Amino acid sequence: MASGKSDHALERLVFFSDAVFAIAITLLVIEIHPPHLERGAGTSEHLAALARLIPNFVGFAISFVVIGFFWSGHHRAFTLAGRYHNGILLWNLALLGAIAFVPFVTAFSSVNYDMRVPAVFYWSWIVLTALLNLKVNSIATGPRMLGEGVTPEAAAAVPRRSLAVLLGAVTAFIVAFAAPLAAPAGMATVPLWIWLLRARRT
């Protein structure tokens, strides 16, 4: 923690949060079921079976990166936090609940990868998760929890990056209505949003 002092309640919250992130990101691959072929199946049949799983592989990769964005921001925020505050608890639990549900929305959208409703459902859930992520990280780097010696610039950078992730998710959500397959490209705009928010601040 930023202050260098031990806060047992804060440590327990961080350890529990990391565990949920780790479990959720692991469950992504469990949703990819290996194909079962008859013994003696040929090379072409194996390749065809793997090809049918490409949407699942893509869905895994996208959600791995998305959860990675959220974990990275959470980690960065709580690195700067120096003390626990009760105001973080329910918001953090809500965020973890949203993260834990990502493997399901990933599986649903992967099976129906080219359909509008699954894509919109997936990205709407990511938008909700991003909103909760922004709230949690803003509290963790706010005056009630911020560690001693953390500069205002360092504290402000965390929610700014979280807002950029939210804007990237919103971009993907909007794209999902018109072009479900292109929606993940919205998250590629996160670095652009970070740059724009930083430029707007200076």
N, C-alpha and C. Protein backbone atom coordinates (compact mmCIF):
# COMPACT_ATOMS: atom_id res chain seq x y z
N MET A 1 0.82 -1.20 0.00
CA MET A 1 0.00 0.00 0.00
C MET A 1 0.86 1.25 0.00
N ALA A 2 0.26 2.37 -0.45
CA ALA A 2 1.06 3.57 -0.66
C ALA A 2 1.69 4.08 0.62
N SER A 3 1.01 3.95 1.76
CA SER A 3 1.53 4.49 3.00
C SER A 3 2.60 3.62 3.62
N GLY A 4 2.69 2.37 3.16
CA GLY A 4 3.66 1.44 3.73
C GLY A 4 3.19 0.82 5.02
N LYS A 5 1.98 1.14 5.49
CA LYS A 5 1.43 0.59 6.72
C LYS A 5 0.43 -0.51 6.38
N SER A 6 0.26 -1.42 7.31
CA SER A 6 -0.65 -2.55 7.10
C SER A 6 -2.04 -2.19 7.57
N ASP A 7 -3.02 -2.38 6.73
CA ASP A 7 -4.43 -2.20 7.06
C ASP A 7 -5.10 -3.53 6.78
N HIS A 8 -5.42 -4.26 7.85
CA HIS A 8 -5.89 -5.63 7.69
C HIS A 8 -7.16 -5.70 6.84
N ALA A 9 -8.11 -4.82 7.09
CA ALA A 9 -9.37 -4.84 6.34
C ALA A 9 -9.14 -4.57 4.86
N LEU A 10 -8.24 -3.64 4.57
CA LEU A 10 -7.94 -3.32 3.17
C LEU A 10 -7.23 -4.49 2.49
N GLU A 11 -6.32 -5.12 3.21
CA GLU A 11 -5.61 -6.27 2.65
C GLU A 11 -6.58 -7.41 2.33
N ARG A 12 -7.51 -7.68 3.24
CA ARG A 12 -8.48 -8.75 3.00
C ARG A 12 -9.34 -8.45 1.79
N LEU A 13 -9.74 -7.19 1.63
CA LEU A 13 -10.56 -6.82 0.48
C LEU A 13 -9.78 -7.02 -0.82
N VAL A 14 -8.51 -6.63 -0.83
CA VAL A 14 -7.69 -6.76 -2.04
C VAL A 14 -7.45 -8.23 -2.37
N PHE A 15 -7.14 -9.05 -1.35
CA PHE A 15 -6.89 -10.47 -1.60
C PHE A 15 -8.14 -11.16 -2.14
N PHE A 16 -9.29 -10.85 -1.54
CA PHE A 16 -10.55 -11.44 -2.00
C PHE A 16 -10.85 -11.01 -3.43
N SER A 17 -10.64 -9.75 -3.72
CA SER A 17 -10.90 -9.23 -5.06
C SER A 17 -10.01 -9.90 -6.09
N ASP A 18 -8.73 -10.02 -5.79
CA ASP A 18 -7.80 -10.68 -6.71
C ASP A 18 -8.22 -12.13 -6.98
N ALA A 19 -8.73 -12.80 -5.93
CA ALA A 19 -9.17 -14.19 -6.10
C ALA A 19 -10.35 -14.27 -7.06
N VAL A 20 -11.30 -13.36 -6.93
CA VAL A 20 -12.46 -13.37 -7.82
C VAL A 20 -12.04 -13.08 -9.26
N PHE A 21 -11.18 -12.11 -9.45
CA PHE A 21 -10.67 -11.82 -10.79
C PHE A 21 -9.99 -13.06 -11.38
N ALA A 22 -9.17 -13.72 -10.58
CA ALA A 22 -8.43 -14.89 -11.07
C ALA A 22 -9.38 -16.03 -11.42
N ILE A 23 -10.39 -16.25 -10.60
CA ILE A 23 -11.35 -17.32 -10.87
C ILE A 23 -12.14 -17.02 -12.13
N ALA A 24 -12.60 -15.77 -12.26
CA ALA A 24 -13.41 -15.40 -13.43
C ALA A 24 -12.61 -15.55 -14.71
N ILE A 25 -11.36 -15.14 -14.69
CA ILE A 25 -10.55 -15.22 -15.91
C ILE A 25 -10.22 -16.66 -16.25
N THR A 26 -10.16 -17.52 -15.22
CA THR A 26 -9.92 -18.95 -15.44
C THR A 26 -11.17 -19.64 -16.00
N LEU A 27 -12.34 -19.23 -15.50
CA LEU A 27 -13.58 -19.84 -15.96
C LEU A 27 -13.85 -19.58 -17.43
N LEU A 28 -13.21 -18.56 -18.00
CA LEU A 28 -13.40 -18.29 -19.42
C LEU A 28 -13.04 -19.50 -20.27
N VAL A 29 -11.94 -20.15 -19.93
CA VAL A 29 -11.49 -21.29 -20.75
C VAL A 29 -12.32 -22.54 -20.46
N ILE A 30 -12.90 -22.62 -19.27
CA ILE A 30 -13.72 -23.78 -18.95
C ILE A 30 -14.97 -23.82 -19.83
N GLU A 31 -15.40 -22.65 -20.28
CA GLU A 31 -16.58 -22.58 -21.14
C GLU A 31 -16.29 -23.06 -22.56
N ILE A 32 -15.01 -23.29 -22.88
CA ILE A 32 -14.65 -23.82 -24.20
C ILE A 32 -14.55 -25.34 -24.09
N HIS A 33 -15.52 -26.04 -24.63
CA HIS A 33 -15.57 -27.49 -24.49
C HIS A 33 -14.85 -28.15 -25.67
N PRO A 34 -13.88 -29.02 -25.38
CA PRO A 34 -13.15 -29.67 -26.47
C PRO A 34 -14.07 -30.56 -27.30
N PRO A 35 -13.86 -30.58 -28.60
CA PRO A 35 -14.72 -31.40 -29.47
C PRO A 35 -14.47 -32.88 -29.25
N HIS A 36 -15.53 -33.67 -29.34
CA HIS A 36 -15.42 -35.13 -29.21
C HIS A 36 -15.64 -35.75 -30.59
N LEU A 37 -14.63 -36.41 -31.09
CA LEU A 37 -14.72 -37.05 -32.40
C LEU A 37 -14.59 -38.57 -32.22
N GLU A 38 -15.11 -39.26 -33.20
CA GLU A 38 -14.98 -40.72 -33.18
C GLU A 38 -13.51 -41.11 -33.28
N ARG A 39 -13.16 -42.17 -32.57
CA ARG A 39 -11.78 -42.66 -32.63
C ARG A 39 -11.41 -43.01 -34.08
N GLY A 40 -10.28 -42.53 -34.51
CA GLY A 40 -9.85 -42.78 -35.87
C GLY A 40 -10.24 -41.68 -36.83
N ALA A 41 -10.85 -40.61 -36.31
CA ALA A 41 -11.22 -39.48 -37.17
C ALA A 41 -9.97 -38.91 -37.84
N GLY A 42 -10.13 -38.45 -39.05
CA GLY A 42 -9.00 -37.95 -39.83
C GLY A 42 -8.60 -36.53 -39.50
N THR A 43 -7.51 -36.12 -40.11
CA THR A 43 -6.97 -34.77 -39.88
C THR A 43 -7.99 -33.69 -40.23
N SER A 44 -8.66 -33.84 -41.36
CA SER A 44 -9.62 -32.83 -41.79
C SER A 44 -10.76 -32.68 -40.80
N GLU A 45 -11.19 -33.79 -40.20
CA GLU A 45 -12.28 -33.74 -39.23
C GLU A 45 -11.83 -33.03 -37.95
N HIS A 46 -10.60 -33.30 -37.52
CA HIS A 46 -10.09 -32.61 -36.34
C HIS A 46 -9.94 -31.10 -36.59
N LEU A 47 -9.42 -30.77 -37.78
CA LEU A 47 -9.26 -29.35 -38.11
C LEU A 47 -10.61 -28.65 -38.21
N ALA A 48 -11.60 -29.35 -38.77
CA ALA A 48 -12.94 -28.77 -38.88
C ALA A 48 -13.55 -28.55 -37.50
N ALA A 49 -13.33 -29.50 -36.60
CA ALA A 49 -13.85 -29.38 -35.24
C ALA A 49 -13.22 -28.19 -34.52
N LEU A 50 -11.91 -28.02 -34.69
CA LEU A 50 -11.24 -26.87 -34.09
C LEU A 50 -11.71 -25.57 -34.72
N ALA A 51 -11.94 -25.59 -36.02
CA ALA A 51 -12.41 -24.38 -36.71
C ALA A 51 -13.76 -23.93 -36.17
N ARG A 52 -14.60 -24.89 -35.81
CA ARG A 52 -15.91 -24.53 -35.27
C ARG A 52 -15.79 -23.85 -33.91
N LEU A 53 -14.64 -24.01 -33.26
CA LEU A 53 -14.43 -23.40 -31.95
C LEU A 53 -13.77 -22.02 -32.04
N ILE A 54 -13.48 -21.57 -33.25
CA ILE A 54 -12.82 -20.27 -33.40
C ILE A 54 -13.59 -19.14 -32.70
N PRO A 55 -14.93 -19.06 -32.83
CA PRO A 55 -15.65 -18.01 -32.10
C PRO A 55 -15.43 -18.08 -30.59
N ASN A 56 -15.32 -19.30 -30.05
CA ASN A 56 -15.06 -19.45 -28.62
C ASN A 56 -13.66 -18.97 -28.25
N PHE A 57 -12.69 -19.29 -29.12
CA PHE A 57 -11.32 -18.83 -28.87
C PHE A 57 -11.24 -17.30 -28.91
N VAL A 58 -11.92 -16.71 -29.88
CA VAL A 58 -11.94 -15.25 -30.00
C VAL A 58 -12.62 -14.63 -28.79
N GLY A 59 -13.75 -15.22 -28.39
CA GLY A 59 -14.46 -14.72 -27.21
C GLY A 59 -13.61 -14.79 -25.96
N PHE A 60 -12.87 -15.89 -25.82
CA PHE A 60 -11.95 -16.04 -24.68
C PHE A 60 -10.91 -14.93 -24.69
N ALA A 61 -10.31 -14.69 -25.85
CA ALA A 61 -9.25 -13.68 -25.94
C ALA A 61 -9.78 -12.29 -25.61
N ILE A 62 -10.97 -11.97 -26.14
CA ILE A 62 -11.54 -10.65 -25.90
C ILE A 62 -11.84 -10.46 -24.42
N SER A 63 -12.49 -11.43 -23.81
CA SER A 63 -12.86 -11.29 -22.40
C SER A 63 -11.65 -11.35 -21.48
N PHE A 64 -10.62 -12.10 -21.88
CA PHE A 64 -9.38 -12.12 -21.11
C PHE A 64 -8.79 -10.71 -21.05
N VAL A 65 -8.76 -10.04 -22.20
CA VAL A 65 -8.24 -8.68 -22.25
C VAL A 65 -9.13 -7.72 -21.46
N VAL A 66 -10.45 -7.87 -21.60
CA VAL A 66 -11.39 -6.98 -20.91
C VAL A 66 -11.24 -7.13 -19.40
N ILE A 67 -11.25 -8.37 -18.90
CA ILE A 67 -11.07 -8.57 -17.46
C ILE A 67 -9.70 -8.07 -17.03
N GLY A 68 -8.71 -8.25 -17.90
CA GLY A 68 -7.38 -7.73 -17.61
C GLY A 68 -7.38 -6.22 -17.43
N PHE A 69 -8.14 -5.51 -18.26
CA PHE A 69 -8.29 -4.06 -18.11
C PHE A 69 -8.83 -3.73 -16.72
N PHE A 70 -9.89 -4.43 -16.33
CA PHE A 70 -10.52 -4.15 -15.05
C PHE A 70 -9.61 -4.49 -13.88
N TRP A 71 -8.93 -5.64 -13.96
CA TRP A 71 -8.02 -6.01 -12.88
C TRP A 71 -6.87 -5.02 -12.77
N SER A 72 -6.33 -4.61 -13.92
CA SER A 72 -5.22 -3.67 -13.92
C SER A 72 -5.61 -2.37 -13.22
N GLY A 73 -6.79 -1.84 -13.54
CA GLY A 73 -7.25 -0.61 -12.91
C GLY A 73 -7.49 -0.80 -11.42
N HIS A 74 -8.10 -1.92 -11.06
CA HIS A 74 -8.36 -2.23 -9.65
C HIS A 74 -7.04 -2.32 -8.89
N HIS A 75 -6.08 -3.03 -9.47
CA HIS A 75 -4.76 -3.18 -8.84
C HIS A 75 -4.08 -1.82 -8.67
N ARG A 76 -4.12 -1.01 -9.70
CA ARG A 76 -3.47 0.30 -9.65
C ARG A 76 -4.12 1.19 -8.59
N ALA A 77 -5.45 1.14 -8.50
CA ALA A 77 -6.17 1.98 -7.53
C ALA A 77 -5.83 1.58 -6.10
N PHE A 78 -5.84 0.27 -5.83
CA PHE A 78 -5.63 -0.18 -4.46
C PHE A 78 -4.16 -0.16 -4.07
N THR A 79 -3.28 -0.03 -5.05
CA THR A 79 -1.88 0.20 -4.73
C THR A 79 -1.70 1.59 -4.12
N LEU A 80 -2.55 2.53 -4.56
CA LEU A 80 -2.48 3.89 -4.05
C LEU A 80 -3.29 4.07 -2.76
N ALA A 81 -4.22 3.16 -2.50
CA ALA A 81 -5.02 3.26 -1.28
C ALA A 81 -4.17 2.93 -0.07
N GLY A 82 -4.44 3.64 1.03
CA GLY A 82 -3.66 3.40 2.24
C GLY A 82 -4.48 3.00 3.43
N ARG A 83 -5.82 3.14 3.33
CA ARG A 83 -6.66 2.78 4.46
C ARG A 83 -8.03 2.34 3.96
N TYR A 84 -8.67 1.51 4.76
CA TYR A 84 -9.99 0.96 4.41
C TYR A 84 -11.09 1.95 4.79
N HIS A 85 -12.14 1.95 3.98
CA HIS A 85 -13.35 2.73 4.31
C HIS A 85 -14.56 1.89 3.96
N ASN A 86 -15.55 1.88 4.86
CA ASN A 86 -16.74 1.05 4.64
C ASN A 86 -17.48 1.37 3.35
N GLY A 87 -17.31 2.59 2.85
CA GLY A 87 -18.02 2.98 1.64
C GLY A 87 -17.61 2.20 0.40
N ILE A 88 -16.48 1.51 0.46
CA ILE A 88 -16.00 0.77 -0.71
C ILE A 88 -16.62 -0.62 -0.81
N LEU A 89 -17.08 -1.17 0.30
CA LEU A 89 -17.39 -2.60 0.37
C LEU A 89 -18.48 -3.03 -0.61
N LEU A 90 -19.64 -2.41 -0.55
CA LEU A 90 -20.75 -2.84 -1.41
C LEU A 90 -20.46 -2.58 -2.88
N TRP A 91 -19.81 -1.45 -3.16
CA TRP A 91 -19.47 -1.16 -4.55
C TRP A 91 -18.47 -2.18 -5.09
N ASN A 92 -17.51 -2.57 -4.26
CA ASN A 92 -16.52 -3.55 -4.70
C ASN A 92 -17.18 -4.92 -4.90
N LEU A 93 -18.10 -5.29 -4.02
CA LEU A 93 -18.82 -6.55 -4.18
C LEU A 93 -19.65 -6.55 -5.46
N ALA A 94 -20.28 -5.41 -5.77
CA ALA A 94 -21.05 -5.31 -7.01
C ALA A 94 -20.15 -5.47 -8.22
N LEU A 95 -18.96 -4.86 -8.18
CA LEU A 95 -18.01 -5.01 -9.27
C LEU A 95 -17.58 -6.47 -9.43
N LEU A 96 -17.28 -7.12 -8.33
CA LEU A 96 -16.85 -8.52 -8.39
C LEU A 96 -17.97 -9.42 -8.91
N GLY A 97 -19.21 -9.09 -8.53
CA GLY A 97 -20.34 -9.86 -9.06
C GLY A 97 -20.44 -9.72 -10.57
N ALA A 98 -20.23 -8.51 -11.06
CA ALA A 98 -20.26 -8.28 -12.51
C ALA A 98 -19.12 -9.02 -13.21
N ILE A 99 -17.95 -9.01 -12.60
CA ILE A 99 -16.80 -9.72 -13.18
C ILE A 99 -17.07 -11.22 -13.21
N ALA A 100 -17.65 -11.75 -12.14
CA ALA A 100 -17.92 -13.19 -12.06
C ALA A 100 -18.91 -13.66 -13.12
N PHE A 101 -19.74 -12.74 -13.62
CA PHE A 101 -20.76 -13.08 -14.61
C PHE A 101 -20.22 -13.03 -16.04
N VAL A 102 -19.02 -12.45 -16.22
CA VAL A 102 -18.46 -12.29 -17.56
C VAL A 102 -18.28 -13.62 -18.30
N PRO A 103 -17.85 -14.72 -17.64
CA PRO A 103 -17.74 -15.98 -18.38
C PRO A 103 -19.05 -16.43 -19.01
N PHE A 104 -20.18 -16.16 -18.35
CA PHE A 104 -21.47 -16.54 -18.95
C PHE A 104 -21.77 -15.71 -20.18
N VAL A 105 -21.66 -14.39 -20.08
CA VAL A 105 -21.98 -13.55 -21.24
C VAL A 105 -21.00 -13.81 -22.38
N THR A 106 -19.77 -14.20 -22.02
CA THR A 106 -18.79 -14.56 -23.05
C THR A 106 -19.23 -15.81 -23.80
N ALA A 107 -19.64 -16.83 -23.05
CA ALA A 107 -20.08 -18.08 -23.67
C ALA A 107 -21.30 -17.86 -24.54
N PHE A 108 -22.24 -17.06 -24.05
CA PHE A 108 -23.47 -16.79 -24.81
C PHE A 108 -23.18 -16.06 -26.11
N SER A 109 -22.34 -15.05 -26.03
CA SER A 109 -22.03 -14.27 -27.24
C SER A 109 -21.13 -15.06 -28.20
N SER A 110 -20.29 -15.95 -27.68
CA SER A 110 -19.42 -16.74 -28.55
C SER A 110 -20.21 -17.76 -29.36
N VAL A 111 -21.19 -18.39 -28.71
CA VAL A 111 -22.03 -19.37 -29.41
C VAL A 111 -22.87 -18.68 -30.49
N ASN A 112 -23.24 -17.44 -30.23
CA ASN A 112 -24.09 -16.67 -31.16
C ASN A 112 -23.31 -15.44 -31.64
N TYR A 113 -22.10 -15.68 -32.13
CA TYR A 113 -21.14 -14.61 -32.35
C TYR A 113 -21.55 -13.56 -33.36
N ASP A 114 -22.42 -13.89 -34.30
CA ASP A 114 -22.77 -12.93 -35.34
C ASP A 114 -24.17 -12.36 -35.18
N MET A 115 -24.74 -12.52 -33.99
CA MET A 115 -26.11 -12.06 -33.73
C MET A 115 -26.10 -10.78 -32.90
N ARG A 116 -27.04 -9.90 -33.18
CA ARG A 116 -27.08 -8.60 -32.53
C ARG A 116 -27.38 -8.69 -31.03
N VAL A 117 -28.40 -9.44 -30.66
CA VAL A 117 -28.82 -9.47 -29.26
C VAL A 117 -27.70 -9.98 -28.33
N PRO A 118 -27.05 -11.11 -28.64
CA PRO A 118 -25.95 -11.54 -27.77
C PRO A 118 -24.81 -10.52 -27.68
N ALA A 119 -24.50 -9.87 -28.80
CA ALA A 119 -23.42 -8.88 -28.80
C ALA A 119 -23.79 -7.67 -27.96
N VAL A 120 -25.02 -7.19 -28.13
CA VAL A 120 -25.48 -6.04 -27.34
C VAL A 120 -25.55 -6.40 -25.87
N PHE A 121 -26.01 -7.60 -25.56
CA PHE A 121 -26.07 -8.07 -24.18
C PHE A 121 -24.67 -8.11 -23.57
N TYR A 122 -23.73 -8.67 -24.31
CA TYR A 122 -22.35 -8.76 -23.82
C TYR A 122 -21.79 -7.37 -23.52
N TRP A 123 -21.89 -6.48 -24.49
CA TRP A 123 -21.26 -5.17 -24.31
C TRP A 123 -22.02 -4.29 -23.34
N SER A 124 -23.31 -4.49 -23.20
CA SER A 124 -24.04 -3.75 -22.17
C SER A 124 -23.57 -4.19 -20.79
N TRP A 125 -23.26 -5.49 -20.66
CA TRP A 125 -22.75 -5.97 -19.37
C TRP A 125 -21.37 -5.41 -19.09
N ILE A 126 -20.56 -5.30 -20.13
CA ILE A 126 -19.23 -4.73 -19.95
C ILE A 126 -19.33 -3.25 -19.59
N VAL A 127 -20.29 -2.53 -20.16
CA VAL A 127 -20.51 -1.13 -19.79
C VAL A 127 -20.88 -1.03 -18.31
N LEU A 128 -21.80 -1.89 -17.86
CA LEU A 128 -22.18 -1.89 -16.44
C LEU A 128 -20.96 -2.17 -15.57
N THR A 129 -20.17 -3.15 -15.96
CA THR A 129 -18.96 -3.49 -15.20
C THR A 129 -18.00 -2.31 -15.17
N ALA A 130 -17.87 -1.63 -16.29
CA ALA A 130 -16.97 -0.48 -16.37
C ALA A 130 -17.46 0.67 -15.48
N LEU A 131 -18.76 0.85 -15.39
CA LEU A 131 -19.30 1.88 -14.49
C LEU A 131 -18.96 1.56 -13.03
N LEU A 132 -19.15 0.30 -12.66
CA LEU A 132 -18.82 -0.12 -11.29
C LEU A 132 -17.32 0.00 -11.04
N ASN A 133 -16.53 -0.34 -12.05
CA ASN A 133 -15.08 -0.23 -11.95
C ASN A 133 -14.66 1.22 -11.71
N LEU A 134 -15.28 2.14 -12.44
CA LEU A 134 -14.98 3.56 -12.28
C LEU A 134 -15.34 4.03 -10.87
N LYS A 135 -16.48 3.60 -10.37
CA LYS A 135 -16.91 3.99 -9.02
C LYS A 135 -15.94 3.47 -7.97
N VAL A 136 -15.60 2.20 -8.04
CA VAL A 136 -14.69 1.60 -7.05
C VAL A 136 -13.33 2.28 -7.08
N ASN A 137 -12.79 2.47 -8.25
CA ASN A 137 -11.45 3.07 -8.35
C ASN A 137 -11.44 4.53 -7.94
N SER A 138 -12.57 5.22 -8.14
CA SER A 138 -12.66 6.62 -7.70
C SER A 138 -12.69 6.70 -6.18
N ILE A 139 -13.39 5.77 -5.54
CA ILE A 139 -13.42 5.75 -4.07
C ILE A 139 -12.05 5.39 -3.52
N ALA A 140 -11.42 4.37 -4.12
CA ALA A 140 -10.12 3.90 -3.63
C ALA A 140 -9.04 4.96 -3.73
N THR A 141 -9.16 5.86 -4.71
CA THR A 141 -8.16 6.91 -4.88
C THR A 141 -8.69 8.27 -4.42
N GLY A 142 -9.82 8.25 -3.71
CA GLY A 142 -10.40 9.46 -3.17
C GLY A 142 -9.86 9.77 -1.78
N PRO A 143 -10.25 10.89 -1.21
CA PRO A 143 -9.69 11.33 0.08
C PRO A 143 -9.95 10.38 1.24
N ARG A 144 -11.01 9.55 1.16
CA ARG A 144 -11.32 8.66 2.27
C ARG A 144 -10.38 7.47 2.36
N MET A 145 -9.71 7.13 1.26
CA MET A 145 -8.87 5.93 1.25
C MET A 145 -7.44 6.16 0.76
N LEU A 146 -7.18 7.27 0.16
CA LEU A 146 -5.88 7.50 -0.47
C LEU A 146 -4.75 7.43 0.55
N GLY A 147 -3.66 6.77 0.16
CA GLY A 147 -2.51 6.63 1.04
C GLY A 147 -1.72 7.93 1.16
N GLU A 148 -0.94 7.99 2.22
CA GLU A 148 -0.11 9.18 2.45
C GLU A 148 1.00 9.26 1.39
N GLY A 149 1.28 10.48 0.98
CA GLY A 149 2.38 10.69 0.05
C GLY A 149 2.03 10.50 -1.42
N VAL A 150 0.78 10.14 -1.72
CA VAL A 150 0.38 9.96 -3.12
C VAL A 150 0.07 11.33 -3.71
N THR A 151 0.65 11.63 -4.84
CA THR A 151 0.43 12.94 -5.46
C THR A 151 -0.96 13.03 -6.07
N PRO A 152 -1.52 14.23 -6.15
CA PRO A 152 -2.83 14.39 -6.79
C PRO A 152 -2.84 13.90 -8.24
N GLU A 153 -1.72 14.07 -8.94
CA GLU A 153 -1.64 13.63 -10.33
C GLU A 153 -1.76 12.11 -10.42
N ALA A 154 -1.06 11.40 -9.54
CA ALA A 154 -1.13 9.94 -9.54
C ALA A 154 -2.53 9.45 -9.18
N ALA A 155 -3.16 10.12 -8.22
CA ALA A 155 -4.51 9.72 -7.81
C ALA A 155 -5.52 9.97 -8.93
N ALA A 156 -5.37 11.09 -9.64
CA ALA A 156 -6.32 11.44 -10.70
C ALA A 156 -6.16 10.55 -11.92
N ALA A 157 -4.97 9.99 -12.13
CA ALA A 157 -4.73 9.18 -13.33
C ALA A 157 -5.54 7.89 -13.32
N VAL A 158 -5.80 7.33 -12.13
CA VAL A 158 -6.50 6.04 -12.05
C VAL A 158 -7.95 6.15 -12.51
N PRO A 159 -8.77 7.03 -11.93
CA PRO A 159 -10.13 7.14 -12.45
C PRO A 159 -10.20 7.63 -13.89
N ARG A 160 -9.19 8.39 -14.31
CA ARG A 160 -9.17 8.83 -15.71
C ARG A 160 -9.02 7.63 -16.64
N ARG A 161 -8.14 6.70 -16.29
CA ARG A 161 -7.98 5.48 -17.09
C ARG A 161 -9.24 4.62 -17.01
N SER A 162 -9.88 4.58 -15.86
CA SER A 162 -11.11 3.81 -15.72
C SER A 162 -12.22 4.41 -16.58
N LEU A 163 -12.26 5.73 -16.66
CA LEU A 163 -13.23 6.40 -17.53
C LEU A 163 -12.95 6.07 -18.99
N ALA A 164 -11.67 5.98 -19.36
CA ALA A 164 -11.31 5.62 -20.73
C ALA A 164 -11.78 4.21 -21.07
N VAL A 165 -11.67 3.28 -20.11
CA VAL A 165 -12.17 1.92 -20.33
C VAL A 165 -13.69 1.95 -20.51
N LEU A 166 -14.37 2.74 -19.70
CA LEU A 166 -15.83 2.88 -19.84
C LEU A 166 -16.19 3.42 -21.22
N LEU A 167 -15.49 4.44 -21.68
CA LEU A 167 -15.78 5.01 -23.00
C LEU A 167 -15.49 4.02 -24.12
N GLY A 168 -14.46 3.21 -23.95
CA GLY A 168 -14.20 2.15 -24.92
C GLY A 168 -15.32 1.12 -24.95
N ALA A 169 -15.82 0.76 -23.77
CA ALA A 169 -16.94 -0.19 -23.69
C ALA A 169 -18.20 0.39 -24.31
N VAL A 170 -18.46 1.66 -24.07
CA VAL A 170 -19.63 2.31 -24.67
C VAL A 170 -19.49 2.34 -26.19
N THR A 171 -18.29 2.59 -26.67
CA THR A 171 -18.05 2.57 -28.12
C THR A 171 -18.38 1.20 -28.69
N ALA A 172 -17.90 0.15 -28.03
CA ALA A 172 -18.17 -1.22 -28.48
C ALA A 172 -19.68 -1.52 -28.43
N PHE A 173 -20.34 -1.05 -27.39
CA PHE A 173 -21.78 -1.25 -27.24
C PHE A 173 -22.55 -0.62 -28.40
N ILE A 174 -22.17 0.58 -28.78
CA ILE A 174 -22.84 1.28 -29.89
C ILE A 174 -22.60 0.55 -31.20
N VAL A 175 -21.35 0.14 -31.43
CA VAL A 175 -21.01 -0.57 -32.66
C VAL A 175 -21.77 -1.89 -32.75
N ALA A 176 -22.01 -2.55 -31.60
CA ALA A 176 -22.67 -3.86 -31.58
C ALA A 176 -24.05 -3.83 -32.22
N PHE A 177 -24.74 -2.70 -32.17
CA PHE A 177 -26.07 -2.60 -32.77
C PHE A 177 -26.01 -2.73 -34.29
N ALA A 178 -25.00 -2.13 -34.89
CA ALA A 178 -24.90 -2.13 -36.35
C ALA A 178 -24.06 -3.27 -36.89
N ALA A 179 -22.97 -3.61 -36.17
CA ALA A 179 -22.04 -4.63 -36.67
C ALA A 179 -21.52 -5.45 -35.49
N PRO A 180 -22.25 -6.49 -35.09
CA PRO A 180 -21.85 -7.28 -33.91
C PRO A 180 -20.42 -7.78 -33.96
N LEU A 181 -19.97 -8.22 -35.12
CA LEU A 181 -18.62 -8.77 -35.23
C LEU A 181 -17.54 -7.71 -35.04
N ALA A 182 -17.87 -6.46 -35.32
CA ALA A 182 -16.88 -5.38 -35.22
C ALA A 182 -16.87 -4.73 -33.84
N ALA A 183 -17.81 -5.09 -32.98
CA ALA A 183 -17.93 -4.44 -31.68
C ALA A 183 -16.66 -4.49 -30.84
N PRO A 184 -15.93 -5.62 -30.80
CA PRO A 184 -14.71 -5.64 -29.97
C PRO A 184 -13.69 -4.57 -30.33
N ALA A 185 -13.74 -4.08 -31.57
CA ALA A 185 -12.80 -3.02 -31.97
C ALA A 185 -13.00 -1.77 -31.12
N GLY A 186 -14.18 -1.64 -30.52
CA GLY A 186 -14.43 -0.49 -29.65
C GLY A 186 -13.46 -0.41 -28.49
N MET A 187 -13.06 -1.58 -27.96
CA MET A 187 -12.13 -1.58 -26.84
C MET A 187 -10.73 -1.16 -27.27
N ALA A 188 -10.46 -1.26 -28.57
CA ALA A 188 -9.16 -0.81 -29.07
C ALA A 188 -9.04 0.71 -29.01
N THR A 189 -10.18 1.39 -28.76
CA THR A 189 -10.13 2.86 -28.66
C THR A 189 -9.73 3.33 -27.27
N VAL A 190 -9.54 2.41 -26.32
CA VAL A 190 -9.20 2.81 -24.95
C VAL A 190 -7.95 3.69 -24.91
N PRO A 191 -6.84 3.32 -25.58
CA PRO A 191 -5.66 4.21 -25.56
C PRO A 191 -5.97 5.60 -26.12
N LEU A 192 -6.85 5.66 -27.12
CA LEU A 192 -7.23 6.96 -27.68
C LEU A 192 -7.99 7.79 -26.65
N TRP A 193 -8.92 7.13 -25.94
CA TRP A 193 -9.67 7.83 -24.90
C TRP A 193 -8.74 8.31 -23.78
N ILE A 194 -7.77 7.51 -23.41
CA ILE A 194 -6.81 7.92 -22.39
C ILE A 194 -6.08 9.19 -22.83
N TRP A 195 -5.65 9.18 -24.10
CA TRP A 195 -4.94 10.34 -24.64
C TRP A 195 -5.82 11.57 -24.67
N LEU A 196 -7.07 11.40 -25.11
CA LEU A 196 -7.98 12.55 -25.19
C LEU A 196 -8.31 13.11 -23.81
N LEU A 197 -8.52 12.23 -22.84
CA LEU A 197 -8.84 12.70 -21.49
C LEU A 197 -7.64 13.40 -20.85
N ARG A 198 -6.46 12.89 -21.14
CA ARG A 198 -5.24 13.53 -20.60
C ARG A 198 -5.04 14.90 -21.26
N ALA A 199 -5.27 14.95 -22.59
CA ALA A 199 -5.10 16.22 -23.31
C ALA A 199 -6.12 17.23 -22.86
N ARG A 200 -7.34 16.78 -22.56
CA ARG A 200 -8.40 17.68 -22.13
C ARG A 200 -8.07 18.30 -20.76
N ARG A 201 -7.35 17.53 -19.95
CA ARG A 201 -7.03 17.98 -18.60
C ARG A 201 -5.91 19.00 -18.60
N THR A 202 -5.02 18.92 -19.61
CA THR A 202 -3.86 19.83 -19.62
C THR A 202 -4.19 21.13 -20.32
